C-alpha atoms as a PDB file:
ATOM      1  CA  MET A   1     128.249 138.188  83.040  1.00  0.00           C
ATOM      2  CA  ALA A   2     124.816 136.852  83.976  1.00  0.00           C
ATOM      3  CA  SER A   3     122.431 138.995  85.987  1.00  0.00           C
ATOM      4  CA  VAL A   4     121.155 137.713  89.321  1.00  0.00           C
ATOM      5  CA  ILE A   5     117.357 137.740  89.389  1.00  0.00           C
ATOM      6  CA  ALA A   6     116.262 139.460  92.607  1.00  0.00           C
ATOM      7  CA  LYS A   7     112.728 140.293  91.466  1.00  0.00           C
ATOM      8  CA  LEU A   8     110.548 138.528  88.931  1.00  0.00           C
ATOM      9  CA  VAL A   9     107.352 139.971  87.494  1.00  0.00           C
ATOM     10  CA  LEU A  10     104.583 137.485  86.712  1.00  0.00           C
ATOM     11  CA  ALA A  11     103.190 139.181  83.615  1.00  0.00           C
ATOM     12  CA  THR A  12      99.499 138.491  84.113  1.00  0.00           C
ATOM     13  CA  PHE A  13      96.393 140.059  85.597  1.00  0.00           C
ATOM     14  CA  ASN A  14      94.788 136.626  86.040  1.00  0.00           C
ATOM     15  CA  PRO A  15      94.795 136.038  89.827  1.00  0.00           C
ATOM     16  CA  ALA A  16      94.339 132.265  89.542  1.00  0.00           C
ATOM     17  CA  LYS A  17      97.239 131.947  87.122  1.00  0.00           C
ATOM     18  CA  ALA A  18      99.450 134.253  89.200  1.00  0.00           C
ATOM     19  CA  ARG A  19      98.669 132.279  92.351  1.00  0.00           C
ATOM     20  CA  GLU A  20      99.530 128.985  90.656  1.00  0.00           C
ATOM     21  CA  MET A  21     102.803 130.357  89.260  1.00  0.00           C
ATOM     22  CA  ARG A  22     103.789 131.874  92.590  1.00  0.00           C
ATOM     23  CA  GLN A  23     103.041 128.628  94.471  1.00  0.00           C
ATOM     24  CA  ILE A  24     105.409 126.676  92.259  1.00  0.00           C
ATOM     25  CA  LEU A  25     108.190 129.207  91.720  1.00  0.00           C
ATOM     26  CA  SER A  26     108.459 130.440  95.305  1.00  0.00           C
ATOM     27  CA  ARG A  27     109.485 126.962  96.436  1.00  0.00           C
ATOM     28  CA  CYS A  28     112.348 126.575  94.012  1.00  0.00           C
ATOM     29  CA  ALA A  29     113.447 130.205  94.193  1.00  0.00           C
ATOM     30  CA  PRO A  30     112.677 131.428  97.735  1.00  0.00           C
ATOM     31  CA  ALA A  31     115.165 134.304  97.473  1.00  0.00           C
ATOM     32  CA  ILE A  32     113.310 135.899  94.555  1.00  0.00           C
ATOM     33  CA  GLU A  33     110.604 138.495  95.199  1.00  0.00           C
ATOM     34  CA  PHE A  34     107.625 137.741  92.971  1.00  0.00           C
ATOM     35  CA  LEU A  35     105.546 140.647  91.698  1.00  0.00           C
ATOM     36  CA  VAL A  36     102.522 140.936  89.406  1.00  0.00           C
ATOM     37  CA  LEU A  37     101.546 143.555  86.854  1.00  0.00           C
ATOM     38  CA  SER A  38      99.036 145.129  89.225  1.00  0.00           C
ATOM     39  CA  ASP A  39     101.981 146.111  91.448  1.00  0.00           C
ATOM     40  CA  PHE A  40     102.970 148.613  88.745  1.00  0.00           C
ATOM     41  CA  PRO A  41     100.499 151.473  88.167  1.00  0.00           C
ATOM     42  CA  GLY A  42      99.736 151.915  84.492  1.00  0.00           C
ATOM     43  CA  ALA A  43     100.938 148.461  83.490  1.00  0.00           C
ATOM     44  CA  ILE A  44      98.925 146.563  80.894  1.00  0.00           C
ATOM     45  CA  GLU A  45      99.115 143.014  79.596  1.00  0.00           C
ATOM     46  CA  ALA A  46     100.349 143.065  76.010  1.00  0.00           C
ATOM     47  CA  ASP A  47      98.002 141.756  73.324  1.00  0.00           C
ATOM     48  CA  GLU A  48      98.608 138.190  72.159  1.00  0.00           C
ATOM     49  CA  THR A  49      99.322 138.909  68.499  1.00  0.00           C
ATOM     50  CA  GLY A  50     101.752 136.042  67.879  1.00  0.00           C
ATOM     51  CA  SER A  51     101.131 133.003  65.694  1.00  0.00           C
ATOM     52  CA  THR A  52     102.447 130.515  68.278  1.00  0.00           C
ATOM     53  CA  TYR A  53     102.276 130.048  72.040  1.00  0.00           C
ATOM     54  CA  ALA A  54     105.970 130.888  72.276  1.00  0.00           C
ATOM     55  CA  GLU A  55     105.542 134.140  70.373  1.00  0.00           C
ATOM     56  CA  ASN A  56     102.671 135.220  72.623  1.00  0.00           C
ATOM     57  CA  ALA A  57     104.617 134.394  75.775  1.00  0.00           C
ATOM     58  CA  LEU A  58     107.604 136.357  74.476  1.00  0.00           C
ATOM     59  CA  ILE A  59     105.475 139.373  73.530  1.00  0.00           C
ATOM     60  CA  LYS A  60     104.006 139.590  77.030  1.00  0.00           C
ATOM     61  CA  ALA A  61     107.246 138.914  78.908  1.00  0.00           C
ATOM     62  CA  ARG A  62     109.243 141.437  76.860  1.00  0.00           C
ATOM     63  CA  ALA A  63     106.582 144.113  77.335  1.00  0.00           C
ATOM     64  CA  ALA A  64     106.427 143.522  81.090  1.00  0.00           C
ATOM     65  CA  ALA A  65     110.215 143.592  81.444  1.00  0.00           C
ATOM     66  CA  ALA A  66     110.437 146.822  79.453  1.00  0.00           C
ATOM     67  CA  PHE A  67     107.688 148.544  81.454  1.00  0.00           C
ATOM     68  CA  THR A  68     108.784 147.444  84.927  1.00  0.00           C
ATOM     69  CA  GLY A  69     112.548 147.384  84.478  1.00  0.00           C
ATOM     70  CA  GLU A  70     112.594 143.939  86.101  1.00  0.00           C
ATOM     71  CA  TRP A  71     112.949 140.378  84.891  1.00  0.00           C
ATOM     72  CA  ALA A  72     109.563 139.103  83.731  1.00  0.00           C
ATOM     73  CA  VAL A  73     107.953 135.770  83.008  1.00  0.00           C
ATOM     74  CA  SER A  74     104.816 135.115  81.018  1.00  0.00           C
ATOM     75  CA  ASP A  75     103.058 132.114  79.608  1.00  0.00           C
ATOM     76  CA  ASP A  76     100.616 131.242  76.880  1.00  0.00           C
ATOM     77  CA  ALA A  77      98.680 128.018  76.917  1.00  0.00           C
ATOM     78  CA  GLY A  78      95.919 126.331  75.009  1.00  0.00           C
ATOM     79  CA  LEU A  79      93.709 123.278  74.808  1.00  0.00           C
ATOM     80  CA  GLU A  80      94.221 121.253  71.620  1.00  0.00           C
ATOM     81  CA  ILE A  81      91.467 118.770  70.736  1.00  0.00           C
ATOM     82  CA  ASP A  82      92.247 116.270  67.992  1.00  0.00           C
ATOM     83  CA  ALA A  83      88.592 115.785  66.961  1.00  0.00           C
ATOM     84  CA  LEU A  84      88.301 119.556  66.456  1.00  0.00           C
ATOM     85  CA  GLU A  85      91.480 119.704  64.347  1.00  0.00           C
ATOM     86  CA  GLY A  86      93.467 121.187  67.210  1.00  0.00           C
ATOM     87  CA  ALA A  87      90.903 123.791  68.231  1.00  0.00           C
ATOM     88  CA  PRO A  88      90.520 125.867  70.279  1.00  0.00           C
ATOM     89  CA  GLY A  89      94.343 125.808  70.475  1.00  0.00           C
ATOM     90  CA  LEU A  90      96.042 129.178  70.246  1.00  0.00           C
ATOM     91  CA  HIS A  91      92.636 130.845  70.515  1.00  0.00           C
ATOM     92  CA  SER A  92      91.571 129.025  73.691  1.00  0.00           C
ATOM     93  CA  LYS A  93      91.098 132.238  75.672  1.00  0.00           C
ATOM     94  CA  ARG A  94      89.169 133.878  72.829  1.00  0.00           C
ATOM     95  CA  PHE A  95      87.112 130.805  71.859  1.00  0.00           C
ATOM     96  CA  GLU A  96      83.448 131.832  71.421  1.00  0.00           C
ATOM     97  CA  GLY A  97      84.485 135.433  72.128  1.00  0.00           C
ATOM     98  CA  VAL A  98      86.722 137.112  74.696  1.00  0.00           C
ATOM     99  CA  GLU A  99      83.730 138.097  76.847  1.00  0.00           C
ATOM    100  CA  THR A 100      82.386 134.532  77.011  1.00  0.00           C
ATOM    101  CA  ASP A 101      83.015 132.883  80.379  1.00  0.00           C
ATOM    102  CA  PHE A 102      84.694 129.498  80.647  1.00  0.00           C
ATOM    103  CA  PRO A 103      81.561 127.578  81.711  1.00  0.00           C
ATOM    104  CA  SER A 104      79.973 128.697  78.434  1.00  0.00           C
ATOM    105  CA  LYS A 105      83.103 127.861  76.443  1.00  0.00           C
ATOM    106  CA  MET A 106      83.157 124.374  77.965  1.00  0.00           C
ATOM    107  CA  ARG A 107      79.473 123.815  77.233  1.00  0.00           C
ATOM    108  CA  ARG A 108      80.124 124.646  73.599  1.00  0.00           C
ATOM    109  CA  ILE A 109      83.035 122.221  73.406  1.00  0.00           C
ATOM    110  CA  LEU A 110      80.929 119.450  74.926  1.00  0.00           C
ATOM    111  CA  GLU A 111      78.249 120.181  72.321  1.00  0.00           C
ATOM    112  CA  LEU A 112      80.794 119.953  69.518  1.00  0.00           C
ATOM    113  CA  MET A 113      82.152 116.705  70.976  1.00  0.00           C
ATOM    114  CA  GLU A 114      78.749 115.079  71.411  1.00  0.00           C
ATOM    115  CA  GLY A 115      78.763 111.655  69.782  1.00  0.00           C
ATOM    116  CA  VAL A 116      82.559 111.496  69.496  1.00  0.00           C
ATOM    117  CA  PRO A 117      83.690 108.066  70.815  1.00  0.00           C
ATOM    118  CA  GLU A 118      86.153 107.720  73.676  1.00  0.00           C
ATOM    119  CA  ASP A 119      89.037 106.646  71.466  1.00  0.00           C
ATOM    120  CA  GLU A 120      88.701 109.847  69.417  1.00  0.00           C
ATOM    121  CA  ARG A 121      88.523 112.327  72.302  1.00  0.00           C
ATOM    122  CA  ALA A 122      92.283 112.800  72.709  1.00  0.00           C
ATOM    123  CA  ALA A 123      93.370 116.279  73.750  1.00  0.00           C
ATOM    124  CA  ARG A 124      96.271 118.055  75.342  1.00  0.00           C
ATOM    125  CA  PHE A 125      97.114 121.211  77.173  1.00  0.00           C
ATOM    126  CA  ARG A 126     100.207 122.933  75.793  1.00  0.00           C
ATOM    127  CA  CYS A 127     102.040 125.698  77.641  1.00  0.00           C
ATOM    128  CA  CYS A 128     104.985 127.914  76.740  1.00  0.00           C
ATOM    129  CA  VAL A 129     106.741 130.130  79.270  1.00  0.00           C
ATOM    130  CA  ALA A 130     109.082 132.981  78.380  1.00  0.00           C
ATOM    131  CA  LEU A 131     111.648 134.459  80.769  1.00  0.00           C
ATOM    132  CA  CYS A 132     112.922 137.876  79.680  1.00  0.00           C
ATOM    133  CA  PRO A 133     115.452 140.327  81.143  1.00  0.00           C
ATOM    134  CA  PRO A 134     114.876 144.073  81.486  1.00  0.00           C
ATOM    135  CA  PRO A 135     116.400 146.300  78.765  1.00  0.00           C
ATOM    136  CA  ALA A 136     119.382 147.154  80.983  1.00  0.00           C
ATOM    137  CA  VAL A 137     120.485 143.505  81.090  1.00  0.00           C
ATOM    138  CA  SER A 138     122.289 142.161  78.031  1.00  0.00           C
ATOM    139  CA  GLN A 139     120.833 138.669  78.060  1.00  0.00           C
ATOM    140  CA  VAL A 140     118.359 137.015  75.726  1.00  0.00           C
ATOM    141  CA  CYS A 141     114.902 135.694  76.524  1.00  0.00           C
ATOM    142  CA  GLU A 142     114.493 131.975  77.148  1.00  0.00           C
ATOM    143  CA  VAL A 143     111.459 129.858  76.261  1.00  0.00           C
ATOM    144  CA  PHE A 144     110.272 126.578  77.791  1.00  0.00           C
ATOM    145  CA  GLU A 145     107.440 124.309  76.599  1.00  0.00           C
ATOM    146  CA  ALA A 146     105.528 121.363  78.052  1.00  0.00           C
ATOM    147  CA  VAL A 147     102.369 119.389  77.297  1.00  0.00           C
ATOM    148  CA  CYS A 148      99.860 117.391  79.313  1.00  0.00           C
ATOM    149  CA  GLU A 149      98.045 114.613  77.447  1.00  0.00           C
ATOM    150  CA  GLY A 150      94.499 113.553  78.252  1.00  0.00           C
ATOM    151  CA  ARG A 151      91.068 113.570  76.688  1.00  0.00           C
ATOM    152  CA  ILE A 152      87.847 115.551  76.705  1.00  0.00           C
ATOM    153  CA  ALA A 153      85.354 114.253  79.248  1.00  0.00           C
ATOM    154  CA  ARG A 154      81.605 114.117  78.647  1.00  0.00           C
ATOM    155  CA  GLN A 155      80.797 116.445  81.519  1.00  0.00           C
ATOM    156  CA  THR A 156      82.461 118.985  83.760  1.00  0.00           C
ATOM    157  CA  LYS A 157      83.733 117.832  87.124  1.00  0.00           C
ATOM    158  CA  GLY A 158      85.793 119.309  89.957  1.00  0.00           C
ATOM    159  CA  ASP A 159      86.150 122.623  91.764  1.00  0.00           C
ATOM    160  CA  TYR A 160      89.917 123.176  91.626  1.00  0.00           C
ATOM    161  CA  GLY A 161      91.896 124.962  88.954  1.00  0.00           C
ATOM    162  CA  PHE A 162      90.532 127.289  86.306  1.00  0.00           C
ATOM    163  CA  GLY A 163      89.919 127.585  82.580  1.00  0.00           C
ATOM    164  CA  TYR A 164      89.159 124.290  80.839  1.00  0.00           C
ATOM    165  CA  ASP A 165      90.299 122.104  83.753  1.00  0.00           C
ATOM    166  CA  PRO A 166      86.778 120.733  84.510  1.00  0.00           C
ATOM    167  CA  ILE A 167      86.391 119.032  81.088  1.00  0.00           C
ATOM    168  CA  PHE A 168      89.950 117.695  80.820  1.00  0.00           C
ATOM    169  CA  TYR A 169      90.216 114.061  81.890  1.00  0.00           C
ATOM    170  CA  LEU A 170      93.518 112.441  82.855  1.00  0.00           C
ATOM    171  CA  PRO A 171      93.578 108.618  82.492  1.00  0.00           C
ATOM    172  CA  GLU A 172      96.294 108.638  85.132  1.00  0.00           C
ATOM    173  CA  PRO A 173      95.355 109.489  87.909  1.00  0.00           C
ATOM    174  CA  ASN A 174      91.808 108.750  86.622  1.00  0.00           C
ATOM    175  CA  ALA A 175      90.464 112.215  87.372  1.00  0.00           C
ATOM    176  CA  HIS A 176      89.469 115.474  85.790  1.00  0.00           C
ATOM    177  CA  MET A 177      92.134 118.163  86.079  1.00  0.00           C
ATOM    178  CA  ALA A 178      89.769 120.240  88.214  1.00  0.00           C
ATOM    179  CA  GLU A 179      89.447 117.389  90.726  1.00  0.00           C
ATOM    180  CA  LEU A 180      93.144 117.509  91.587  1.00  0.00           C
ATOM    181  CA  PRO A 181      94.299 119.524  94.613  1.00  0.00           C
ATOM    182  CA  PRO A 182      97.003 122.071  93.728  1.00  0.00           C
ATOM    183  CA  GLU A 183      99.934 119.909  94.826  1.00  0.00           C
ATOM    184  CA  GLU A 184      98.827 116.985  92.681  1.00  0.00           C
ATOM    185  CA  LYS A 185      97.901 119.182  89.732  1.00  0.00           C
ATOM    186  CA  HIS A 186     101.330 120.846  89.727  1.00  0.00           C
ATOM    187  CA  ARG A 187     102.977 117.428  89.274  1.00  0.00           C
ATOM    188  CA  VAL A 188     101.040 116.508  86.134  1.00  0.00           C
ATOM    189  CA  SER A 189      99.775 119.687  84.491  1.00  0.00           C
ATOM    190  CA  HIS A 190     101.282 121.449  81.493  1.00  0.00           C
ATOM    191  CA  ARG A 191     101.910 124.586  83.541  1.00  0.00           C
ATOM    192  CA  GLY A 192     103.385 122.619  86.430  1.00  0.00           C
ATOM    193  CA  LYS A 193     105.775 120.828  84.079  1.00  0.00           C
ATOM    194  CA  VAL A 194     106.925 123.956  82.272  1.00  0.00           C
ATOM    195  CA  LEU A 195     107.369 125.883  85.512  1.00  0.00           C
ATOM    196  CA  ALA A 196     109.509 123.003  86.788  1.00  0.00           C
ATOM    197  CA  MET A 197     111.762 123.679  83.784  1.00  0.00           C
ATOM    198  CA  LEU A 198     111.822 127.360  84.700  1.00  0.00           C
ATOM    199  CA  CYS A 199     112.629 126.395  88.292  1.00  0.00           C
ATOM    200  CA  ALA A 200     115.652 124.473  87.061  1.00  0.00           C
ATOM    201  CA  ARG A 201     116.768 127.588  85.171  1.00  0.00           C
ATOM    202  CA  LEU A 202     116.280 129.853  88.201  1.00  0.00           C
ATOM    203  CA  ALA A 203     118.393 127.433  90.229  1.00  0.00           C
ATOM    204  CA  ARG A 204     121.285 128.247  87.864  1.00  0.00           C
ATOM    205  CA  PRO A 205     121.523 132.032  88.366  1.00  0.00           C
ATOM    206  CA  ASN A 206     124.966 132.334  86.795  1.00  0.00           C
ATOM    207  CA  GLU A 207     123.893 131.168  83.348  1.00  0.00           C
END
């Protein structure tokens, strides 16, 4: 018999990511209490040692579910740039070093992309989300994946969002990701799309 999800741990210490996830999920699952890792003293975010986005999401969600004893959800996402052979990809967070801030990471990407024509600047955000039960629940983890296609702009623009959003240009609606208010971003972004899939799953609690 399926377990009803009363509490769901967002397995991240990133406040911007947690806020975005909570904004989307709380609307489709208002009866669920959403928690974050910082609500559990001693909790840590598991290292991303997988070879795919899905593996990393599963590693973090399983670890959070085991530590907290609650259902947990985690994601892993990356920016894939065709002209850079898919880089930074799985290593997007660690690109140029884990201590390097995102403005510096974006400056480096723009340097690498200097001189690349518009028709060769295709890129995409890819996101995988894993939903895992606590050890006491005999259900398996589920994984969802979505992408958002666009291209690398020639400059940063916008104050919304986080990560690489300021250099990611969307032909439709003709804006950088970081220029989109949260509501609009959620409709088109990789994370918004994959969390919509998770929302559909949470709306079917008996599965």
